[in-house]
Amino acid sequence: MVNVLAHPIGGLSSLRAIDVTESIGMFMKVALLGGVALASPYIAFELWLFAAPGLKPRARRLGLLSIPLVLIFFVGGMVFAYFILLPPALKFLLNFMGITVIPRPSTYIGFVTTILFWIGVTFEFPLVIYVLTLMGIMQPKVLFKQWRIAVVVIAIIAAAITPTTDPVNMSLVMGPMIALYFISIGLGYLALAGRKQRGKKHMSSFQKY
């Protein structure tokens, strides 16, 4: 796993450790990221157990069926970040102003795991909005009306989770988050349309009787 994360920069041989504990810390960060990814369905299941008593039977079934998708969306977000976001980001940062950069394991792995983790988390947002809309808990029109506030909040979150202080890395995190927010709204409207269609079918069936 560590070799895979170091591949975009040329492998582990391209990293230079300064502190004695840097290599160990690098493995700990990677192990933590892998553990969170594998545990994401269980975390979603615990959240479902907490909310299930207050949900209708259909909403409980939808929530339970969506749990396996949590891991798929999370891993999909990490794959997107690894193949789409990291290569241009590293190319820009390592060649900025022609200054030679010798990455340290702690900073490089910290940068990569932070990007992978938070992009993986944001990829869960469309799934969450879609399922909550199907359950009747969330209304997509509310999200659409508050999109300006959402962009500001996303900017603050992106600034907080970006491992460096430059606006380039912040925009690399912020851009996909904003896009996923609007995708979530679109999926929410699709779910809402499906609910209305099913409601009409039930009504017509009731009227026949």
C-alpha atoms as a PDB file:
ATOM      1  CA  MET A   1       0.000   0.000   0.000  1.00  0.00           C
ATOM      2  CA  VAL A   2       2.808   2.405   0.872  1.00  0.00           C
ATOM      3  CA  ASN A   3       4.542   1.625  -2.413  1.00  0.00           C
ATOM      4  CA  VAL A   4       1.316   2.388  -4.285  1.00  0.00           C
ATOM      5  CA  LEU A   5       0.924   5.775  -2.587  1.00  0.00           C
ATOM      6  CA  ALA A   6       4.565   6.621  -3.295  1.00  0.00           C
ATOM      7  CA  HIS A   7       4.318   5.617  -6.963  1.00  0.00           C
ATOM      8  CA  PRO A   8       3.163   9.070  -8.255  1.00  0.00           C
ATOM      9  CA  ILE A   9       6.331  10.639  -6.898  1.00  0.00           C
ATOM     10  CA  GLY A  10       8.690   7.959  -8.180  1.00  0.00           C
ATOM     11  CA  GLY A  11       8.549   5.370  -5.403  1.00  0.00           C
ATOM     12  CA  LEU A  12       9.845   5.229  -1.839  1.00  0.00           C
ATOM     13  CA  SER A  13      13.396   5.861  -3.017  1.00  0.00           C
ATOM     14  CA  SER A  14      12.369   9.439  -3.901  1.00  0.00           C
ATOM     15  CA  LEU A  15      11.549  10.227  -0.263  1.00  0.00           C
ATOM     16  CA  ARG A  16      14.136  11.397   2.253  1.00  0.00           C
ATOM     17  CA  ALA A  17      13.501  10.988   5.975  1.00  0.00           C
ATOM     18  CA  ILE A  18      14.970  13.455   8.479  1.00  0.00           C
ATOM     19  CA  ASP A  19      13.477  12.248  11.757  1.00  0.00           C
ATOM     20  CA  VAL A  20      14.073   8.742  13.096  1.00  0.00           C
ATOM     21  CA  THR A  21      10.351   8.011  13.484  1.00  0.00           C
ATOM     22  CA  GLU A  22       9.224   9.315  10.086  1.00  0.00           C
ATOM     23  CA  SER A  23       9.116   5.929   8.369  1.00  0.00           C
ATOM     24  CA  ILE A  24       7.069   4.394  11.183  1.00  0.00           C
ATOM     25  CA  GLY A  25       4.701   7.362  11.172  1.00  0.00           C
ATOM     26  CA  MET A  26       4.249   6.951   7.430  1.00  0.00           C
ATOM     27  CA  PHE A  27       3.131   3.346   7.838  1.00  0.00           C
ATOM     28  CA  MET A  28       0.787   4.333  10.684  1.00  0.00           C
ATOM     29  CA  LYS A  29      -0.967   6.944   8.511  1.00  0.00           C
ATOM     30  CA  VAL A  30      -1.418   4.482   5.661  1.00  0.00           C
ATOM     31  CA  ALA A  31      -2.716   1.788   8.033  1.00  0.00           C
ATOM     32  CA  LEU A  32      -5.190   4.282   9.527  1.00  0.00           C
ATOM     33  CA  LEU A  33      -6.510   5.236   6.089  1.00  0.00           C
ATOM     34  CA  GLY A  34      -6.924   1.589   5.099  1.00  0.00           C
ATOM     35  CA  GLY A  35      -8.677   0.822   8.371  1.00  0.00           C
ATOM     36  CA  VAL A  36     -11.158   3.661   7.941  1.00  0.00           C
ATOM     37  CA  ALA A  37     -11.928   2.553   4.374  1.00  0.00           C
ATOM     38  CA  LEU A  38     -12.559  -1.039   5.441  1.00  0.00           C
ATOM     39  CA  ALA A  39     -14.581   0.008   8.491  1.00  0.00           C
ATOM     40  CA  SER A  40     -16.810   2.479   6.610  1.00  0.00           C
ATOM     41  CA  PRO A  41     -19.659  -0.043   6.052  1.00  0.00           C
ATOM     42  CA  TYR A  42     -19.640  -0.939   9.754  1.00  0.00           C
ATOM     43  CA  ILE A  43     -19.682   2.752  10.709  1.00  0.00           C
ATOM     44  CA  ALA A  44     -22.642   3.270   8.362  1.00  0.00           C
ATOM     45  CA  PHE A  45     -24.372   0.234   9.915  1.00  0.00           C
ATOM     46  CA  GLU A  46     -23.943   1.678  13.425  1.00  0.00           C
ATOM     47  CA  LEU A  47     -25.463   4.960  12.240  1.00  0.00           C
ATOM     48  CA  TRP A  48     -28.341   3.013  10.721  1.00  0.00           C
ATOM     49  CA  LEU A  49     -28.907   1.173  14.019  1.00  0.00           C
ATOM     50  CA  PHE A  50     -29.065   4.533  15.794  1.00  0.00           C
ATOM     51  CA  ALA A  51     -31.598   6.004  13.361  1.00  0.00           C
ATOM     52  CA  ALA A  52     -33.634   2.861  12.566  1.00  0.00           C
ATOM     53  CA  PRO A  53     -36.072   3.028  15.537  1.00  0.00           C
ATOM     54  CA  GLY A  54     -37.343   6.411  14.339  1.00  0.00           C
ATOM     55  CA  LEU A  55     -37.761   5.425  10.677  1.00  0.00           C
ATOM     56  CA  LYS A  56     -40.630   3.862   8.785  1.00  0.00           C
ATOM     57  CA  PRO A  57     -40.182   0.234   7.592  1.00  0.00           C
ATOM     58  CA  ARG A  58     -39.497   1.284   3.991  1.00  0.00           C
ATOM     59  CA  ALA A  59     -36.946   3.876   5.099  1.00  0.00           C
ATOM     60  CA  ARG A  60     -35.216   1.283   7.267  1.00  0.00           C
ATOM     61  CA  ARG A  61     -34.945  -1.114   4.330  1.00  0.00           C
ATOM     62  CA  LEU A  62     -33.550   1.574   2.021  1.00  0.00           C
ATOM     63  CA  GLY A  63     -30.989   2.615   4.614  1.00  0.00           C
ATOM     64  CA  LEU A  64     -29.881  -0.967   5.189  1.00  0.00           C
ATOM     65  CA  LEU A  65     -29.589  -1.726   1.466  1.00  0.00           C
ATOM     66  CA  SER A  66     -27.427   1.367   0.898  1.00  0.00           C
ATOM     67  CA  ILE A  67     -24.767   0.321   3.434  1.00  0.00           C
ATOM     68  CA  PRO A  68     -22.695  -1.814   0.986  1.00  0.00           C
ATOM     69  CA  LEU A  69     -22.556   1.177  -1.368  1.00  0.00           C
ATOM     70  CA  VAL A  70     -20.750   3.203   1.302  1.00  0.00           C
ATOM     71  CA  LEU A  71     -17.492   1.307   0.767  1.00  0.00           C
ATOM     72  CA  ILE A  72     -17.869   1.478  -3.023  1.00  0.00           C
ATOM     73  CA  PHE A  73     -18.341   5.252  -3.014  1.00  0.00           C
ATOM     74  CA  PHE A  74     -15.530   5.809  -0.509  1.00  0.00           C
ATOM     75  CA  VAL A  75     -13.046   3.719  -2.478  1.00  0.00           C
ATOM     76  CA  GLY A  76     -14.283   5.347  -5.689  1.00  0.00           C
ATOM     77  CA  GLY A  77     -13.458   8.757  -4.238  1.00  0.00           C
ATOM     78  CA  MET A  78      -9.975   7.636  -3.289  1.00  0.00           C
ATOM     79  CA  VAL A  79      -9.391   6.196  -6.768  1.00  0.00           C
ATOM     80  CA  PHE A  80     -10.550   9.476  -8.313  1.00  0.00           C
ATOM     81  CA  ALA A  81      -8.195  11.453  -6.084  1.00  0.00           C
ATOM     82  CA  TYR A  82      -5.269   9.111  -6.767  1.00  0.00           C
ATOM     83  CA  PHE A  83      -5.550   9.056 -10.562  1.00  0.00           C
ATOM     84  CA  ILE A  84      -7.140  12.439 -11.343  1.00  0.00           C
ATOM     85  CA  LEU A  85      -6.158  14.912  -8.618  1.00  0.00           C
ATOM     86  CA  LEU A  86      -2.732  13.798  -7.425  1.00  0.00           C
ATOM     87  CA  PRO A  87      -0.764  13.709 -10.718  1.00  0.00           C
ATOM     88  CA  PRO A  88      -1.399  17.367 -11.739  1.00  0.00           C
ATOM     89  CA  ALA A  89      -1.096  18.546  -8.129  1.00  0.00           C
ATOM     90  CA  LEU A  90       2.288  16.891  -7.633  1.00  0.00           C
ATOM     91  CA  LYS A  91       3.523  18.037 -11.033  1.00  0.00           C
ATOM     92  CA  PHE A  92       2.694  21.635 -10.166  1.00  0.00           C
ATOM     93  CA  LEU A  93       4.008  21.564  -6.608  1.00  0.00           C
ATOM     94  CA  LEU A  94       7.260  19.766  -7.362  1.00  0.00           C
ATOM     95  CA  ASN A  95       8.155  22.092 -10.235  1.00  0.00           C
ATOM     96  CA  PHE A  96       6.912  25.392  -8.873  1.00  0.00           C
ATOM     97  CA  MET A  97       9.425  28.206  -9.561  1.00  0.00           C
ATOM     98  CA  GLY A  98      12.043  25.629 -10.563  1.00  0.00           C
ATOM     99  CA  ILE A  99      12.947  24.882  -6.950  1.00  0.00           C
ATOM    100  CA  THR A 100      14.196  21.352  -6.301  1.00  0.00           C
ATOM    101  CA  VAL A 101      11.908  19.558  -3.853  1.00  0.00           C
ATOM    102  CA  ILE A 102      13.002  16.517  -1.855  1.00  0.00           C
ATOM    103  CA  PRO A 103       9.813  15.246  -0.183  1.00  0.00           C
ATOM    104  CA  ARG A 104       9.856  13.841   3.319  1.00  0.00           C
ATOM    105  CA  PRO A 105       7.820  10.688   4.066  1.00  0.00           C
ATOM    106  CA  SER A 106       5.793  12.429   6.778  1.00  0.00           C
ATOM    107  CA  THR A 107       4.778  15.406   4.645  1.00  0.00           C
ATOM    108  CA  TYR A 108       4.228  13.486   1.417  1.00  0.00           C
ATOM    109  CA  ILE A 109       2.209  10.624   2.925  1.00  0.00           C
ATOM    110  CA  GLY A 110       0.312  13.123   5.084  1.00  0.00           C
ATOM    111  CA  PHE A 111      -0.564  15.119   1.975  1.00  0.00           C
ATOM    112  CA  VAL A 112      -1.652  12.049  -0.009  1.00  0.00           C
ATOM    113  CA  THR A 113      -3.676  10.375   2.762  1.00  0.00           C
ATOM    114  CA  THR A 114      -5.458  13.638   3.584  1.00  0.00           C
ATOM    115  CA  ILE A 115      -6.476  14.136  -0.050  1.00  0.00           C
ATOM    116  CA  LEU A 116      -7.567  10.505  -0.453  1.00  0.00           C
ATOM    117  CA  PHE A 117      -9.534  10.436   2.797  1.00  0.00           C
ATOM    118  CA  TRP A 118     -11.503  13.640   2.352  1.00  0.00           C
ATOM    119  CA  ILE A 119     -12.255  13.085  -1.313  1.00  0.00           C
ATOM    120  CA  GLY A 120     -13.447   9.603  -0.347  1.00  0.00           C
ATOM    121  CA  VAL A 121     -15.701  11.141   2.308  1.00  0.00           C
ATOM    122  CA  THR A 122     -17.128  13.742  -0.074  1.00  0.00           C
ATOM    123  CA  PHE A 123     -17.962  11.014  -2.583  1.00  0.00           C
ATOM    124  CA  GLU A 124     -20.363   9.650   0.040  1.00  0.00           C
ATOM    125  CA  PHE A 125     -22.423  12.848  -0.041  1.00  0.00           C
ATOM    126  CA  PRO A 126     -24.461  12.083  -3.220  1.00  0.00           C
ATOM    127  CA  LEU A 127     -25.328   8.639  -1.849  1.00  0.00           C
ATOM    128  CA  VAL A 128     -26.379  10.089   1.509  1.00  0.00           C
ATOM    129  CA  ILE A 129     -28.580  12.774  -0.089  1.00  0.00           C
ATOM    130  CA  TYR A 130     -30.158  10.267  -2.483  1.00  0.00           C
ATOM    131  CA  VAL A 131     -31.011   7.816   0.299  1.00  0.00           C
ATOM    132  CA  LEU A 132     -32.282  10.545   2.652  1.00  0.00           C
ATOM    133  CA  THR A 133     -34.518  11.907  -0.122  1.00  0.00           C
ATOM    134  CA  LEU A 134     -35.892   8.435  -0.815  1.00  0.00           C
ATOM    135  CA  MET A 135     -36.611   8.149   2.899  1.00  0.00           C
ATOM    136  CA  GLY A 136     -38.445  11.466   2.858  1.00  0.00           C
ATOM    137  CA  ILE A 137     -36.018  13.048   5.335  1.00  0.00           C
ATOM    138  CA  MET A 138     -34.217  15.450   2.966  1.00  0.00           C
ATOM    139  CA  GLN A 139     -35.630  17.898   0.403  1.00  0.00           C
ATOM    140  CA  PRO A 140     -33.281  18.738  -2.514  1.00  0.00           C
ATOM    141  CA  LYS A 141     -34.867  22.154  -3.013  1.00  0.00           C
ATOM    142  CA  VAL A 142     -33.531  23.185   0.396  1.00  0.00           C
ATOM    143  CA  LEU A 143     -29.998  22.281  -0.685  1.00  0.00           C
ATOM    144  CA  PHE A 144     -30.464  24.183  -3.951  1.00  0.00           C
ATOM    145  CA  LYS A 145     -31.668  27.343  -2.199  1.00  0.00           C
ATOM    146  CA  GLN A 146     -28.694  27.271   0.166  1.00  0.00           C
ATOM    147  CA  TRP A 147     -26.005  26.619  -2.469  1.00  0.00           C
ATOM    148  CA  ARG A 148     -24.201  29.928  -1.794  1.00  0.00           C
ATOM    149  CA  ILE A 149     -23.875  29.113   1.892  1.00  0.00           C
ATOM    150  CA  ALA A 150     -22.779  25.581   0.951  1.00  0.00           C
ATOM    151  CA  VAL A 151     -19.968  26.932  -1.257  1.00  0.00           C
ATOM    152  CA  VAL A 152     -18.694  29.093   1.606  1.00  0.00           C
ATOM    153  CA  VAL A 153     -18.848  26.161   4.030  1.00  0.00           C
ATOM    154  CA  ILE A 154     -17.063  23.924   1.519  1.00  0.00           C
ATOM    155  CA  ALA A 155     -14.346  26.565   1.095  1.00  0.00           C
ATOM    156  CA  ILE A 156     -13.822  26.682   4.864  1.00  0.00           C
ATOM    157  CA  ILE A 157     -13.711  22.881   5.103  1.00  0.00           C
ATOM    158  CA  ALA A 158     -11.305  22.646   2.159  1.00  0.00           C
ATOM    159  CA  ALA A 159      -9.019  25.229   3.766  1.00  0.00           C
ATOM    160  CA  ALA A 160      -9.088  23.304   7.042  1.00  0.00           C
ATOM    161  CA  ILE A 161      -8.336  19.869   5.595  1.00  0.00           C
ATOM    162  CA  THR A 162      -5.787  20.926   2.971  1.00  0.00           C
ATOM    163  CA  PRO A 163      -2.355  19.903   4.305  1.00  0.00           C
ATOM    164  CA  THR A 164      -0.612  22.935   2.755  1.00  0.00           C
ATOM    165  CA  THR A 165      -1.502  26.617   2.835  1.00  0.00           C
ATOM    166  CA  ASP A 166      -1.411  27.369  -0.897  1.00  0.00           C
ATOM    167  CA  PRO A 167      -4.693  28.029  -2.766  1.00  0.00           C
ATOM    168  CA  VAL A 168      -3.854  25.465  -5.462  1.00  0.00           C
ATOM    169  CA  ASN A 169      -4.210  22.483  -3.141  1.00  0.00           C
ATOM    170  CA  MET A 170      -7.252  24.069  -1.546  1.00  0.00           C
ATOM    171  CA  SER A 171      -8.924  24.374  -4.951  1.00  0.00           C
ATOM    172  CA  LEU A 172      -8.061  20.734  -5.744  1.00  0.00           C
ATOM    173  CA  VAL A 173     -10.076  19.699  -2.696  1.00  0.00           C
ATOM    174  CA  MET A 174     -12.772  22.368  -3.024  1.00  0.00           C
ATOM    175  CA  GLY A 175     -13.575  21.802  -6.716  1.00  0.00           C
ATOM    176  CA  PRO A 176     -14.712  18.156  -6.463  1.00  0.00           C
ATOM    177  CA  MET A 177     -16.612  18.914  -3.255  1.00  0.00           C
ATOM    178  CA  ILE A 178     -18.651  21.649  -4.969  1.00  0.00           C
ATOM    179  CA  ALA A 179     -19.282  19.439  -7.994  1.00  0.00           C
ATOM    180  CA  LEU A 180     -20.440  16.591  -5.753  1.00  0.00           C
ATOM    181  CA  TYR A 181     -22.756  18.972  -3.899  1.00  0.00           C
ATOM    182  CA  PHE A 182     -24.604  19.855  -7.093  1.00  0.00           C
ATOM    183  CA  ILE A 183     -24.584  16.212  -8.219  1.00  0.00           C
ATOM    184  CA  SER A 184     -26.208  15.388  -4.882  1.00  0.00           C
ATOM    185  CA  ILE A 185     -28.957  17.913  -5.573  1.00  0.00           C
ATOM    186  CA  GLY A 186     -29.595  16.339  -8.979  1.00  0.00           C
ATOM    187  CA  LEU A 187     -29.772  12.845  -7.493  1.00  0.00           C
ATOM    188  CA  GLY A 188     -32.074  14.186  -4.797  1.00  0.00           C
ATOM    189  CA  TYR A 189     -34.509  15.469  -7.433  1.00  0.00           C
ATOM    190  CA  LEU A 190     -34.369  12.081  -9.180  1.00  0.00           C
ATOM    191  CA  ALA A 191     -35.186  10.338  -5.918  1.00  0.00           C
ATOM    192  CA  LEU A 192     -38.000  12.805  -5.262  1.00  0.00           C
ATOM    193  CA  ALA A 193     -39.459  12.180  -8.718  1.00  0.00           C
ATOM    194  CA  GLY A 194     -39.340   8.444  -8.061  1.00  0.00           C
ATOM    195  CA  ARG A 195     -41.175   8.895  -4.760  1.00  0.00           C
ATOM    196  CA  LYS A 196     -43.897  10.972  -6.414  1.00  0.00           C
ATOM    197  CA  GLN A 197     -44.298   8.401  -9.191  1.00  0.00           C
ATOM    198  CA  ARG A 198     -44.691   5.589  -6.677  1.00  0.00           C
ATOM    199  CA  GLY A 199     -47.146   7.724  -4.731  1.00  0.00           C
ATOM    200  CA  LYS A 200     -49.307   8.210  -7.836  1.00  0.00           C
ATOM    201  CA  LYS A 201     -49.283   4.466  -8.529  1.00  0.00           C
ATOM    202  CA  HIS A 202     -50.373   3.701  -4.975  1.00  0.00           C
ATOM    203  CA  MET A 203     -53.112   6.331  -5.200  1.00  0.00           C
ATOM    204  CA  SER A 204     -54.430   4.978  -8.493  1.00  0.00           C
ATOM    205  CA  SER A 205     -54.422   1.440  -7.101  1.00  0.00           C
ATOM    206  CA  PHE A 206     -56.348   2.628  -4.037  1.00  0.00           C
ATOM    207  CA  GLN A 207     -58.926   4.434  -6.187  1.00  0.00           C
ATOM    208  CA  LYS A 208     -59.589   1.225  -8.169  1.00  0.00           C
ATOM    209  CA  TYR A 209     -60.682  -0.470  -4.987  1.00  0.00           C
END
